[in-house]
Amino acid sequence: MTFGRLNCSPVRAGDVLIARMPDPLGRACIVPQGIGRAVTVVDVAVLRCDDTKADRRYVTYAINAAPSRSFMESLQDGATRQRIPRKRLGRVQIPLPELPEQRAIAGFLDRETARIDTLIEEQKQLIEMLRERRDAEADVLLGAPTRARNTTVKRVLRPLSRPAVAGLGVVTAFRDGVVTLRSKRREDGYTFSNTEHGYQEIRPGDLVFHALDGFAGAVGVSDSHGNATPVYHVCEATAGDDLAYVARLLRYLGRNGFLATQAPNVRERSVDFRNWAMFGRLPLALPPVEEQRRIAAYLDDQDAKTDTLIAESERFVEIAQERRAALITAAVTGQIDVREGV
């Protein structure tokens, strides 16, 4: 089958929509019943099937199959924003067997992908539950410590000011509380600014707080030796408190919204604590040092176990998604016969 007219008209229930921009490039879906009103589509092509020749469920699966997706990737164009021109989508061809076979394939894939989607959703719910349980434990242990002494950041931490050391890599504070060389973690979301003037040395064991992103969790104890900009507060303990616990407490206060209430200068997606005097006034409630160490060690151990379970579930989801995609491709291209018993 070759695509017919791919237009920019308002969509209606039963239309097949095809994404023309990356993420998800070339992915197709059917507009559900009960949409309520027409919606004009800009970066999505609209395909209307002739029900006497094509089953729209089958057509959607065929577009989502690997051969079609791969071909559509080759059709991208654009100097700044890659997309598939509508006229190029007309070059895409999909296998179109007789209508009864299309319906048999679509019915088989509806059943099998629904089973896989259920398993994927269960694993995603498990991941969310594990994260919620981890947050709940932190809330219990960090939110209301027993025998706490009330103090402030400036009475607990001393800011360090060291010149940068030539040849060292960049240390970054990530929102998951890890402070390490950026080169060790190739992922989105790091919080390093190139707009600040000057660099400073960070050593293993330093408490590092990102003054603009600490409210979102970018605080921890560095495991690396490197350089960073002055947007980071690099600190040591002044009264013998456990830095791992203090970092966890600051991260907890950021993620539960408390730090945002303490900063007069709030920008979009950031809370500004670059002024040390203002940062130093933040109130802290700290249990005895031995209790700090016990709590920090316990949470480290629990986090490691939770991270392992989350990684296993994420891997399951990844494998299931690969299985789903392979099943669609195999059914559409005739690698498996799904007609028996349908």
C-alpha atoms as a PDB file:
ATOM      1  CA  MET A   1       0.000   0.000   0.000  1.00  0.00           C
ATOM      2  CA  THR A   2       1.162   3.519  -0.791  1.00  0.00           C
ATOM      3  CA  PHE A   3      -0.169   6.342   1.361  1.00  0.00           C
ATOM      4  CA  GLY A   4      -2.851   8.472  -0.195  1.00  0.00           C
ATOM      5  CA  ARG A   5      -3.500  12.100   0.650  1.00  0.00           C
ATOM      6  CA  LEU A   6      -1.685  13.145   3.819  1.00  0.00           C
ATOM      7  CA  ASN A   7      -3.169  16.455   4.811  1.00  0.00           C
ATOM      8  CA  CYS A   8      -3.274  19.072   7.529  1.00  0.00           C
ATOM      9  CA  SER A   9      -7.019  19.040   8.012  1.00  0.00           C
ATOM     10  CA  PRO A  10      -8.718  18.780  11.406  1.00  0.00           C
ATOM     11  CA  VAL A  11      -8.675  15.275  12.795  1.00  0.00           C
ATOM     12  CA  ARG A  12     -11.670  13.132  13.602  1.00  0.00           C
ATOM     13  CA  ALA A  13     -12.271   9.826  15.339  1.00  0.00           C
ATOM     14  CA  GLY A  14     -10.824   6.918  13.372  1.00  0.00           C
ATOM     15  CA  ASP A  15      -8.107   8.933  11.606  1.00  0.00           C
ATOM     16  CA  VAL A  16      -4.579   7.526  11.603  1.00  0.00           C
ATOM     17  CA  LEU A  17      -2.080  10.142  12.834  1.00  0.00           C
ATOM     18  CA  ILE A  18       1.612   9.978  11.898  1.00  0.00           C
ATOM     19  CA  ALA A  19       4.205  12.013  13.807  1.00  0.00           C
ATOM     20  CA  ARG A  20       6.450  14.016  11.474  1.00  0.00           C
ATOM     21  CA  MET A  21       8.975  15.118  14.116  1.00  0.00           C
ATOM     22  CA  PRO A  22      11.475  13.155  16.243  1.00  0.00           C
ATOM     23  CA  ASP A  23      10.347  11.532  19.464  1.00  0.00           C
ATOM     24  CA  PRO A  24       8.257   9.887  18.265  1.00  0.00           C
ATOM     25  CA  LEU A  25       9.243  10.214  14.596  1.00  0.00           C
ATOM     26  CA  GLY A  26       6.983   8.239  12.295  1.00  0.00           C
ATOM     27  CA  ARG A  27       4.926   6.690  15.065  1.00  0.00           C
ATOM     28  CA  ALA A  28       1.284   6.171  14.183  1.00  0.00           C
ATOM     29  CA  CYS A  29      -1.865   5.961  16.286  1.00  0.00           C
ATOM     30  CA  ILE A  30      -5.633   5.973  15.761  1.00  0.00           C
ATOM     31  CA  VAL A  31      -7.729   8.883  17.008  1.00  0.00           C
ATOM     32  CA  PRO A  32     -10.118   7.326  19.567  1.00  0.00           C
ATOM     33  CA  GLN A  33     -13.879   7.579  19.501  1.00  0.00           C
ATOM     34  CA  GLY A  34     -15.426  10.359  21.546  1.00  0.00           C
ATOM     35  CA  ILE A  35     -12.743  12.914  20.726  1.00  0.00           C
ATOM     36  CA  GLY A  36     -15.453  15.532  21.119  1.00  0.00           C
ATOM     37  CA  ARG A  37     -14.183  18.129  18.652  1.00  0.00           C
ATOM     38  CA  ALA A  38     -11.850  18.453  15.710  1.00  0.00           C
ATOM     39  CA  VAL A  39      -8.245  19.492  16.341  1.00  0.00           C
ATOM     40  CA  THR A  40      -6.046  21.050  13.690  1.00  0.00           C
ATOM     41  CA  VAL A  41      -2.747  19.194  13.464  1.00  0.00           C
ATOM     42  CA  VAL A  42       0.537  20.913  12.582  1.00  0.00           C
ATOM     43  CA  ASP A  43       3.394  18.408  13.031  1.00  0.00           C
ATOM     44  CA  VAL A  44       1.262  15.337  12.495  1.00  0.00           C
ATOM     45  CA  ALA A  45       0.059  13.965   9.159  1.00  0.00           C
ATOM     46  CA  VAL A  46      -3.518  12.701   8.923  1.00  0.00           C
ATOM     47  CA  LEU A  47      -4.269   9.511   6.995  1.00  0.00           C
ATOM     48  CA  ARG A  48      -7.849   8.442   6.307  1.00  0.00           C
ATOM     49  CA  CYS A  49      -8.277   4.825   5.256  1.00  0.00           C
ATOM     50  CA  ASP A  50     -10.783   3.381   2.799  1.00  0.00           C
ATOM     51  CA  ASP A  51     -12.536   0.836   5.026  1.00  0.00           C
ATOM     52  CA  THR A  52     -13.347  -1.339   2.022  1.00  0.00           C
ATOM     53  CA  LYS A  53      -9.640  -1.837   1.298  1.00  0.00           C
ATOM     54  CA  ALA A  54      -7.720  -1.345   4.531  1.00  0.00           C
ATOM     55  CA  ASP A  55      -8.184  -2.034   8.235  1.00  0.00           C
ATOM     56  CA  ARG A  56      -6.950   1.089  10.019  1.00  0.00           C
ATOM     57  CA  ARG A  57      -5.657  -1.009  12.939  1.00  0.00           C
ATOM     58  CA  TYR A  58      -3.523  -3.039  10.553  1.00  0.00           C
ATOM     59  CA  VAL A  59      -2.353   0.119   8.753  1.00  0.00           C
ATOM     60  CA  THR A  60      -1.278   1.611  12.095  1.00  0.00           C
ATOM     61  CA  TYR A  61       0.673  -1.524  13.031  1.00  0.00           C
ATOM     62  CA  ALA A  62       2.297  -1.625   9.572  1.00  0.00           C
ATOM     63  CA  ILE A  63       3.428   2.002   9.879  1.00  0.00           C
ATOM     64  CA  ASN A  64       4.855   1.258  13.338  1.00  0.00           C
ATOM     65  CA  ALA A  65       6.737  -1.816  12.082  1.00  0.00           C
ATOM     66  CA  ALA A  66      10.522  -1.570  11.873  1.00  0.00           C
ATOM     67  CA  PRO A  67      10.841  -1.401   8.033  1.00  0.00           C
ATOM     68  CA  SER A  68       8.453   1.562   7.768  1.00  0.00           C
ATOM     69  CA  ARG A  69       9.968   3.374  10.769  1.00  0.00           C
ATOM     70  CA  SER A  70      13.473   2.902   9.405  1.00  0.00           C
ATOM     71  CA  PHE A  71      12.484   4.227   5.990  1.00  0.00           C
ATOM     72  CA  MET A  72      10.738   7.243   7.511  1.00  0.00           C
ATOM     73  CA  GLU A  73      13.884   8.144   9.433  1.00  0.00           C
ATOM     74  CA  SER A  74      15.660   8.467   6.086  1.00  0.00           C
ATOM     75  CA  LEU A  75      13.024  10.983   4.936  1.00  0.00           C
ATOM     76  CA  GLN A  76      13.841  13.598   7.591  1.00  0.00           C
ATOM     77  CA  ASP A  77      14.742  17.089   6.475  1.00  0.00           C
ATOM     78  CA  GLY A  78      15.307  20.488   8.064  1.00  0.00           C
ATOM     79  CA  ALA A  79      18.253  22.706   8.965  1.00  0.00           C
ATOM     80  CA  THR A  80      17.346  23.238  12.635  1.00  0.00           C
ATOM     81  CA  ARG A  81      14.342  21.038  13.387  1.00  0.00           C
ATOM     82  CA  GLN A  82      14.246  17.672  11.695  1.00  0.00           C
ATOM     83  CA  ARG A  83      10.877  16.536  10.426  1.00  0.00           C
ATOM     84  CA  ILE A  84       9.374  14.483   7.602  1.00  0.00           C
ATOM     85  CA  PRO A  85       7.851  16.662   4.861  1.00  0.00           C
ATOM     86  CA  ARG A  86       4.293  15.584   4.116  1.00  0.00           C
ATOM     87  CA  LYS A  87       5.028  15.038   0.453  1.00  0.00           C
ATOM     88  CA  ARG A  88       7.806  12.575   1.377  1.00  0.00           C
ATOM     89  CA  LEU A  89       5.477  10.532   3.560  1.00  0.00           C
ATOM     90  CA  GLY A  90       3.707   9.574   0.367  1.00  0.00           C
ATOM     91  CA  ARG A  91       6.760   7.500  -0.594  1.00  0.00           C
ATOM     92  CA  VAL A  92       6.261   5.131   2.325  1.00  0.00           C
ATOM     93  CA  GLN A  93       4.890   1.741   1.281  1.00  0.00           C
ATOM     94  CA  ILE A  94       3.445  -0.952   3.517  1.00  0.00           C
ATOM     95  CA  PRO A  95       2.401  -4.534   2.718  1.00  0.00           C
ATOM     96  CA  LEU A  96      -1.354  -4.751   2.159  1.00  0.00           C
ATOM     97  CA  PRO A  97      -2.732  -8.300   2.119  1.00  0.00           C
ATOM     98  CA  GLU A  98      -6.399  -9.094   1.602  1.00  0.00           C
ATOM     99  CA  LEU A  99      -8.756  -7.398   4.061  1.00  0.00           C
ATOM    100  CA  PRO A 100      -9.583 -10.598   6.051  1.00  0.00           C
ATOM    101  CA  GLU A 101      -5.867 -11.217   6.598  1.00  0.00           C
ATOM    102  CA  GLN A 102      -5.349  -7.607   7.654  1.00  0.00           C
ATOM    103  CA  ARG A 103      -8.099  -8.021  10.245  1.00  0.00           C
ATOM    104  CA  ALA A 104      -6.616 -11.297  11.468  1.00  0.00           C
ATOM    105  CA  ILE A 105      -3.190  -9.709  11.898  1.00  0.00           C
ATOM    106  CA  ALA A 106      -4.661  -6.655  13.631  1.00  0.00           C
ATOM    107  CA  GLY A 107      -6.734  -8.847  15.969  1.00  0.00           C
ATOM    108  CA  PHE A 108      -3.722 -10.956  16.881  1.00  0.00           C
ATOM    109  CA  LEU A 109      -1.588  -7.885  17.558  1.00  0.00           C
ATOM    110  CA  ASP A 110      -4.371  -6.225  19.562  1.00  0.00           C
ATOM    111  CA  ARG A 111      -4.446  -9.214  21.909  1.00  0.00           C
ATOM    112  CA  GLU A 112      -0.697  -9.787  22.177  1.00  0.00           C
ATOM    113  CA  THR A 113       0.331  -6.151  22.533  1.00  0.00           C
ATOM    114  CA  ALA A 114      -2.394  -5.666  25.169  1.00  0.00           C
ATOM    115  CA  ARG A 115      -0.820  -8.473  27.226  1.00  0.00           C
ATOM    116  CA  ILE A 116       2.629  -6.964  26.852  1.00  0.00           C
ATOM    117  CA  ASP A 117       1.341  -3.465  27.645  1.00  0.00           C
ATOM    118  CA  THR A 118      -0.249  -4.808  30.842  1.00  0.00           C
ATOM    119  CA  LEU A 119       3.057  -6.305  31.952  1.00  0.00           C
ATOM    120  CA  ILE A 120       4.881  -3.084  31.124  1.00  0.00           C
ATOM    121  CA  GLU A 121       2.353  -1.005  33.071  1.00  0.00           C
ATOM    122  CA  GLU A 122       2.673  -3.314  36.091  1.00  0.00           C
ATOM    123  CA  GLN A 123       6.439  -2.877  36.093  1.00  0.00           C
ATOM    124  CA  LYS A 124       6.123   0.888  35.771  1.00  0.00           C
ATOM    125  CA  GLN A 125       3.739   0.909  38.726  1.00  0.00           C
ATOM    126  CA  LEU A 126       6.249  -1.168  40.696  1.00  0.00           C
ATOM    127  CA  ILE A 127       9.002   1.334  39.881  1.00  0.00           C
ATOM    128  CA  GLU A 128       6.792   4.199  41.051  1.00  0.00           C
ATOM    129  CA  MET A 129       5.916   2.310  44.242  1.00  0.00           C
ATOM    130  CA  LEU A 130       9.606   1.668  44.987  1.00  0.00           C
ATOM    131  CA  ARG A 131      10.407   5.353  44.549  1.00  0.00           C
ATOM    132  CA  GLU A 132       7.495   6.370  46.750  1.00  0.00           C
ATOM    133  CA  ARG A 133       8.620   3.933  49.452  1.00  0.00           C
ATOM    134  CA  ARG A 134      12.145   5.334  49.309  1.00  0.00           C
ATOM    135  CA  ASP A 135      10.802   8.876  49.668  1.00  0.00           C
ATOM    136  CA  ALA A 136       8.576   7.805  52.561  1.00  0.00           C
ATOM    137  CA  GLU A 137      11.537   6.298  54.428  1.00  0.00           C
ATOM    138  CA  ALA A 138      13.538   9.480  53.933  1.00  0.00           C
ATOM    139  CA  ASP A 139      10.581  11.500  55.193  1.00  0.00           C
ATOM    140  CA  VAL A 140      10.363   9.433  58.383  1.00  0.00           C
ATOM    141  CA  LEU A 141      14.092   9.498  59.145  1.00  0.00           C
ATOM    142  CA  LEU A 142      14.976  13.007  57.979  1.00  0.00           C
ATOM    143  CA  GLY A 143      11.742  14.938  58.463  1.00  0.00           C
ATOM    144  CA  ALA A 144      11.369  14.604  62.233  1.00  0.00           C
ATOM    145  CA  PRO A 145      14.615  13.530  63.913  1.00  0.00           C
ATOM    146  CA  THR A 146      14.535  12.673  67.624  1.00  0.00           C
ATOM    147  CA  ARG A 147      16.692  14.627  70.098  1.00  0.00           C
ATOM    148  CA  ALA A 148      17.392  17.179  67.370  1.00  0.00           C
ATOM    149  CA  ARG A 149      19.437  20.305  67.913  1.00  0.00           C
ATOM    150  CA  ASN A 150      18.196  23.324  66.036  1.00  0.00           C
ATOM    151  CA  THR A 151      20.932  25.112  64.154  1.00  0.00           C
ATOM    152  CA  THR A 152      21.698  26.733  60.784  1.00  0.00           C
ATOM    153  CA  VAL A 153      23.771  25.899  57.731  1.00  0.00           C
ATOM    154  CA  LYS A 154      26.462  28.452  58.607  1.00  0.00           C
ATOM    155  CA  ARG A 155      26.957  26.846  62.048  1.00  0.00           C
ATOM    156  CA  VAL A 156      27.289  23.388  60.511  1.00  0.00           C
ATOM    157  CA  LEU A 157      29.195  24.070  57.267  1.00  0.00           C
ATOM    158  CA  ARG A 158      32.164  26.213  56.325  1.00  0.00           C
ATOM    159  CA  PRO A 159      32.496  27.351  52.693  1.00  0.00           C
ATOM    160  CA  LEU A 160      35.777  26.458  51.004  1.00  0.00           C
ATOM    161  CA  SER A 161      37.457  28.606  48.394  1.00  0.00           C
ATOM    162  CA  ARG A 162      40.192  26.902  46.416  1.00  0.00           C
ATOM    163  CA  PRO A 163      41.663  27.898  43.055  1.00  0.00           C
ATOM    164  CA  ALA A 164      41.072  25.571  40.138  1.00  0.00           C
ATOM    165  CA  VAL A 165      43.656  22.899  39.381  1.00  0.00           C
ATOM    166  CA  ALA A 166      44.768  22.702  35.767  1.00  0.00           C
ATOM    167  CA  GLY A 167      44.008  19.480  33.936  1.00  0.00           C
ATOM    168  CA  LEU A 168      41.169  18.248  36.130  1.00  0.00           C
ATOM    169  CA  GLY A 169      37.749  17.339  34.783  1.00  0.00           C
ATOM    170  CA  VAL A 170      34.440  18.987  35.561  1.00  0.00           C
ATOM    171  CA  VAL A 171      32.586  17.906  38.708  1.00  0.00           C
ATOM    172  CA  THR A 172      28.809  18.062  38.470  1.00  0.00           C
ATOM    173  CA  ALA A 173      26.046  17.787  41.075  1.00  0.00           C
ATOM    174  CA  PHE A 174      23.207  15.675  39.710  1.00  0.00           C
ATOM    175  CA  ARG A 175      19.623  15.837  40.897  1.00  0.00           C
ATOM    176  CA  ASP A 176      19.768  12.297  42.258  1.00  0.00           C
ATOM    177  CA  GLY A 177      22.313  13.425  44.859  1.00  0.00           C
ATOM    178  CA  VAL A 178      25.419  12.086  43.099  1.00  0.00           C
ATOM    179  CA  VAL A 179      28.365  14.490  42.843  1.00  0.00           C
ATOM    180  CA  THR A 180      30.953  13.173  40.440  1.00  0.00           C
ATOM    181  CA  LEU A 181      32.969  13.925  37.329  1.00  0.00           C
ATOM    182  CA  ARG A 182      30.661  14.698  34.453  1.00  0.00           C
ATOM    183  CA  SER A 183      32.648  12.300  32.275  1.00  0.00           C
ATOM    184  CA  LYS A 184      31.429   9.405  34.448  1.00  0.00           C
ATOM    185  CA  ARG A 185      27.781  10.039  33.615  1.00  0.00           C
ATOM    186  CA  ARG A 186      26.714  10.591  30.030  1.00  0.00           C
ATOM    187  CA  GLU A 187      23.084  11.536  30.602  1.00  0.00           C
ATOM    188  CA  ASP A 188      20.763  14.507  30.418  1.00  0.00           C
ATOM    189  CA  GLY A 189      19.947  16.656  33.393  1.00  0.00           C
ATOM    190  CA  TYR A 190      23.358  17.625  34.758  1.00  0.00           C
ATOM    191  CA  THR A 191      23.486  21.024  36.399  1.00  0.00           C
ATOM    192  CA  PHE A 192      26.712  22.742  35.422  1.00  0.00           C
ATOM    193  CA  SER A 193      26.839  26.354  34.329  1.00  0.00           C
ATOM    194  CA  ASN A 194      29.372  27.848  31.935  1.00  0.00           C
ATOM    195  CA  THR A 195      28.061  31.374  32.528  1.00  0.00           C
ATOM    196  CA  GLU A 196      29.884  31.922  35.839  1.00  0.00           C
ATOM    197  CA  HIS A 197      33.355  33.465  35.913  1.00  0.00           C
ATOM    198  CA  GLY A 198      36.137  31.392  37.412  1.00  0.00           C
ATOM    199  CA  TYR A 199      36.469  27.837  38.621  1.00  0.00           C
ATOM    200  CA  GLN A 200      37.124  26.194  41.963  1.00  0.00           C
ATOM    201  CA  GLU A 201      38.642  22.902  43.059  1.00  0.00           C
ATOM    202  CA  ILE A 202      36.436  20.153  44.488  1.00  0.00           C
ATOM    203  CA  ARG A 203      37.943  17.205  46.370  1.00  0.00           C
ATOM    204  CA  PRO A 204      36.496  13.812  47.335  1.00  0.00           C
ATOM    205  CA  GLY A 205      34.555  14.158  50.589  1.00  0.00           C
ATOM    206  CA  ASP A 206      33.506  17.779  50.032  1.00  0.00           C
ATOM    207  CA  LEU A 207      29.847  18.609  50.465  1.00  0.00           C
ATOM    208  CA  VAL A 208      28.724  20.255  47.225  1.00  0.00           C
ATOM    209  CA  PHE A 209      25.502  22.267  46.891  1.00  0.00           C
ATOM    210  CA  HIS A 210      24.364  23.693  43.562  1.00  0.00           C
ATOM    211  CA  ALA A 211      23.147  27.169  44.455  1.00  0.00           C
ATOM    212  CA  LEU A 212      20.592  27.303  41.630  1.00  0.00           C
ATOM    213  CA  ASP A 213      19.533  23.668  41.468  1.00  0.00           C
ATOM    214  CA  GLY A 214      19.985  22.406  45.014  1.00  0.00           C
ATOM    215  CA  PHE A 215      16.252  22.871  45.558  1.00  0.00           C
ATOM    216  CA  ALA A 216      15.738  20.020  43.049  1.00  0.00           C
ATOM    217  CA  GLY A 217      18.199  17.640  44.700  1.00  0.00           C
ATOM    218  CA  ALA A 218      21.560  18.727  43.274  1.00  0.00           C
ATOM    219  CA  VAL A 219      23.513  18.346  46.505  1.00  0.00           C
ATOM    220  CA  GLY A 220      25.756  15.593  47.792  1.00  0.00           C
ATOM    221  CA  VAL A 221      29.233  14.532  48.854  1.00  0.00           C
ATOM    222  CA  SER A 222      31.738  14.462  46.005  1.00  0.00           C
ATOM    223  CA  ASP A 223      33.362  11.169  45.050  1.00  0.00           C
ATOM    224  CA  SER A 224      35.757  12.871  42.615  1.00  0.00           C
ATOM    225  CA  HIS A 225      38.578  15.371  42.314  1.00  0.00           C
ATOM    226  CA  GLY A 226      37.867  18.096  39.777  1.00  0.00           C
ATOM    227  CA  ASN A 227      36.844  21.679  39.109  1.00  0.00           C
ATOM    228  CA  ALA A 228      33.499  23.498  39.050  1.00  0.00           C
ATOM    229  CA  THR A 229      32.208  27.060  38.801  1.00  0.00           C
ATOM    230  CA  PRO A 230      31.359  29.292  41.803  1.00  0.00           C
ATOM    231  CA  VAL A 231      27.675  28.441  41.332  1.00  0.00           C
ATOM    232  CA  TYR A 232      28.499  25.572  43.693  1.00  0.00           C
ATOM    233  CA  HIS A 233      28.950  25.969  47.432  1.00  0.00           C
ATOM    234  CA  VAL A 234      31.817  23.641  48.390  1.00  0.00           C
ATOM    235  CA  CYS A 235      31.827  22.991  52.120  1.00  0.00           C
ATOM    236  CA  GLU A 236      33.365  21.106  55.021  1.00  0.00           C
ATOM    237  CA  ALA A 237      31.883  20.362  58.444  1.00  0.00           C
ATOM    238  CA  THR A 238      32.670  22.770  61.285  1.00  0.00           C
ATOM    239  CA  ALA A 239      31.189  20.920  64.261  1.00  0.00           C
ATOM    240  CA  GLY A 240      31.888  17.289  63.419  1.00  0.00           C
ATOM    241  CA  ASP A 241      28.529  16.594  61.785  1.00  0.00           C
ATOM    242  CA  ASP A 242      28.291  13.813  59.214  1.00  0.00           C
ATOM    243  CA  LEU A 243      28.467  15.396  55.759  1.00  0.00           C
ATOM    244  CA  ALA A 244      26.600  12.519  54.122  1.00  0.00           C
ATOM    245  CA  TYR A 245      23.682  13.088  56.484  1.00  0.00           C
ATOM    246  CA  VAL A 246      23.754  16.877  56.069  1.00  0.00           C
ATOM    247  CA  ALA A 247      23.756  16.489  52.276  1.00  0.00           C
ATOM    248  CA  ARG A 248      20.814  14.097  52.486  1.00  0.00           C
ATOM    249  CA  LEU A 249      18.954  16.507  54.738  1.00  0.00           C
ATOM    250  CA  LEU A 250      19.524  19.446  52.376  1.00  0.00           C
ATOM    251  CA  ARG A 251      18.398  17.330  49.435  1.00  0.00           C
ATOM    252  CA  TYR A 252      15.289  16.298  51.367  1.00  0.00           C
ATOM    253  CA  LEU A 253      14.501  19.921  52.267  1.00  0.00           C
ATOM    254  CA  GLY A 254      14.876  20.864  48.614  1.00  0.00           C
ATOM    255  CA  ARG A 255      12.749  18.107  47.198  1.00  0.00           C
ATOM    256  CA  ASN A 256       9.917  18.601  49.701  1.00  0.00           C
ATOM    257  CA  GLY A 257       9.701  22.300  48.769  1.00  0.00           C
ATOM    258  CA  PHE A 258      11.102  23.849  51.955  1.00  0.00           C
ATOM    259  CA  LEU A 259      14.133  25.491  50.318  1.00  0.00           C
ATOM    260  CA  ALA A 260      11.905  27.234  47.792  1.00  0.00           C
ATOM    261  CA  THR A 261      10.107  28.972  50.648  1.00  0.00           C
ATOM    262  CA  GLN A 262      13.393  30.347  52.014  1.00  0.00           C
ATOM    263  CA  ALA A 263      14.784  32.022  48.886  1.00  0.00           C
ATOM    264  CA  PRO A 264      13.643  35.558  47.986  1.00  0.00           C
ATOM    265  CA  ASN A 265      14.873  35.209  44.395  1.00  0.00           C
ATOM    266  CA  VAL A 266      12.941  32.441  42.665  1.00  0.00           C
ATOM    267  CA  ARG A 267      13.384  31.972  38.920  1.00  0.00           C
ATOM    268  CA  GLU A 268      11.747  29.532  36.567  1.00  0.00           C
ATOM    269  CA  ARG A 269      13.003  26.022  37.373  1.00  0.00           C
ATOM    270  CA  SER A 270      15.537  27.340  39.921  1.00  0.00           C
ATOM    271  CA  VAL A 271      15.813  28.781  43.432  1.00  0.00           C
ATOM    272  CA  ASP A 272      18.735  31.167  43.868  1.00  0.00           C
ATOM    273  CA  PHE A 273      21.023  30.482  46.860  1.00  0.00           C
ATOM    274  CA  ARG A 274      24.257  31.902  45.413  1.00  0.00           C
ATOM    275  CA  ASN A 275      24.470  34.355  48.303  1.00  0.00           C
ATOM    276  CA  TRP A 276      26.275  32.423  51.050  1.00  0.00           C
ATOM    277  CA  ALA A 277      24.856  34.605  53.841  1.00  0.00           C
ATOM    278  CA  MET A 278      21.324  33.774  52.744  1.00  0.00           C
ATOM    279  CA  PHE A 279      22.168  30.078  52.280  1.00  0.00           C
ATOM    280  CA  GLY A 280      23.858  30.067  55.669  1.00  0.00           C
ATOM    281  CA  ARG A 281      20.664  31.219  57.409  1.00  0.00           C
ATOM    282  CA  LEU A 282      18.787  28.076  56.398  1.00  0.00           C
ATOM    283  CA  PRO A 283      17.538  26.306  59.558  1.00  0.00           C
ATOM    284  CA  LEU A 284      18.527  22.688  60.159  1.00  0.00           C
ATOM    285  CA  ALA A 285      17.410  20.163  62.757  1.00  0.00           C
ATOM    286  CA  LEU A 286      20.210  17.655  63.382  1.00  0.00           C
ATOM    287  CA  PRO A 287      20.196  14.565  65.599  1.00  0.00           C
ATOM    288  CA  PRO A 288      23.373  13.503  67.443  1.00  0.00           C
ATOM    289  CA  VAL A 289      26.314  12.703  65.158  1.00  0.00           C
ATOM    290  CA  GLU A 290      26.206   8.954  65.780  1.00  0.00           C
ATOM    291  CA  GLU A 291      22.527   8.958  64.844  1.00  0.00           C
ATOM    292  CA  GLN A 292      23.358  10.946  61.716  1.00  0.00           C
ATOM    293  CA  ARG A 293      25.883   8.324  60.665  1.00  0.00           C
ATOM    294  CA  ARG A 294      23.488   5.468  61.367  1.00  0.00           C
ATOM    295  CA  ILE A 295      20.693   7.064  59.351  1.00  0.00           C
ATOM    296  CA  ALA A 296      22.966   7.960  56.430  1.00  0.00           C
ATOM    297  CA  ALA A 297      24.407   4.437  56.298  1.00  0.00           C
ATOM    298  CA  TYR A 298      20.939   2.856  56.513  1.00  0.00           C
ATOM    299  CA  LEU A 299      19.552   5.055  53.735  1.00  0.00           C
ATOM    300  CA  ASP A 300      22.604   4.336  51.568  1.00  0.00           C
ATOM    301  CA  ASP A 301      21.985   0.611  51.981  1.00  0.00           C
ATOM    302  CA  GLN A 302      18.263   0.900  51.278  1.00  0.00           C
ATOM    303  CA  ASP A 303      18.855   3.116  48.256  1.00  0.00           C
ATOM    304  CA  ALA A 304      21.287   0.573  46.814  1.00  0.00           C
ATOM    305  CA  LYS A 305      18.702  -2.205  47.171  1.00  0.00           C
ATOM    306  CA  THR A 306      15.938  -0.046  45.714  1.00  0.00           C
ATOM    307  CA  ASP A 307      18.112   1.057  42.808  1.00  0.00           C
ATOM    308  CA  THR A 308      18.832  -2.605  42.002  1.00  0.00           C
ATOM    309  CA  LEU A 309      15.120  -3.456  41.957  1.00  0.00           C
ATOM    310  CA  ILE A 310      14.314  -0.400  39.848  1.00  0.00           C
ATOM    311  CA  ALA A 311      17.085  -1.254  37.383  1.00  0.00           C
ATOM    312  CA  GLU A 312      15.718  -4.806  37.046  1.00  0.00           C
ATOM    313  CA  SER A 313      12.205  -3.509  36.395  1.00  0.00           C
ATOM    314  CA  GLU A 314      13.461  -0.939  33.903  1.00  0.00           C
ATOM    315  CA  ARG A 315      15.350  -3.672  32.075  1.00  0.00           C
ATOM    316  CA  PHE A 316      12.176  -5.790  32.000  1.00  0.00           C
ATOM    317  CA  VAL A 317      10.274  -2.852  30.484  1.00  0.00           C
ATOM    318  CA  GLU A 318      13.000  -2.334  27.892  1.00  0.00           C
ATOM    319  CA  ILE A 319      12.963  -6.025  26.885  1.00  0.00           C
ATOM    320  CA  ALA A 320       9.146  -6.080  26.765  1.00  0.00           C
ATOM    321  CA  GLN A 321       9.089  -3.000  24.532  1.00  0.00           C
ATOM    322  CA  GLU A 322      11.638  -4.620  22.220  1.00  0.00           C
ATOM    323  CA  ARG A 323       9.520  -7.782  22.179  1.00  0.00           C
ATOM    324  CA  ARG A 324       6.426  -5.746  21.336  1.00  0.00           C
ATOM    325  CA  ALA A 325       8.149  -3.995  18.433  1.00  0.00           C
ATOM    326  CA  ALA A 326       9.578  -7.272  17.107  1.00  0.00           C
ATOM    327  CA  LEU A 327       6.177  -8.961  17.305  1.00  0.00           C
ATOM    328  CA  ILE A 328       4.524  -6.175  15.299  1.00  0.00           C
ATOM    329  CA  THR A 329       7.205  -6.348  12.618  1.00  0.00           C
ATOM    330  CA  ALA A 330       7.053 -10.155  12.422  1.00  0.00           C
ATOM    331  CA  ALA A 331       3.263 -10.218  12.081  1.00  0.00           C
ATOM    332  CA  VAL A 332       3.078  -7.447   9.479  1.00  0.00           C
ATOM    333  CA  THR A 333       5.912  -8.824   7.330  1.00  0.00           C
ATOM    334  CA  GLY A 334       4.580 -12.381   7.379  1.00  0.00           C
ATOM    335  CA  GLN A 335       7.358 -13.909   9.491  1.00  0.00           C
ATOM    336  CA  ILE A 336       4.659 -15.471  11.676  1.00  0.00           C
ATOM    337  CA  ASP A 337       1.291 -16.799  10.487  1.00  0.00           C
ATOM    338  CA  VAL A 338      -1.505 -15.503  12.702  1.00  0.00           C
ATOM    339  CA  ARG A 339      -4.482 -16.630  10.600  1.00  0.00           C
ATOM    340  CA  GLU A 340      -5.120 -19.995  12.275  1.00  0.00           C
ATOM    341  CA  GLY A 341      -7.817 -19.932  14.885  1.00  0.00           C
ATOM    342  CA  VAL A 342      -8.950 -16.400  14.012  1.00  0.00           C
END
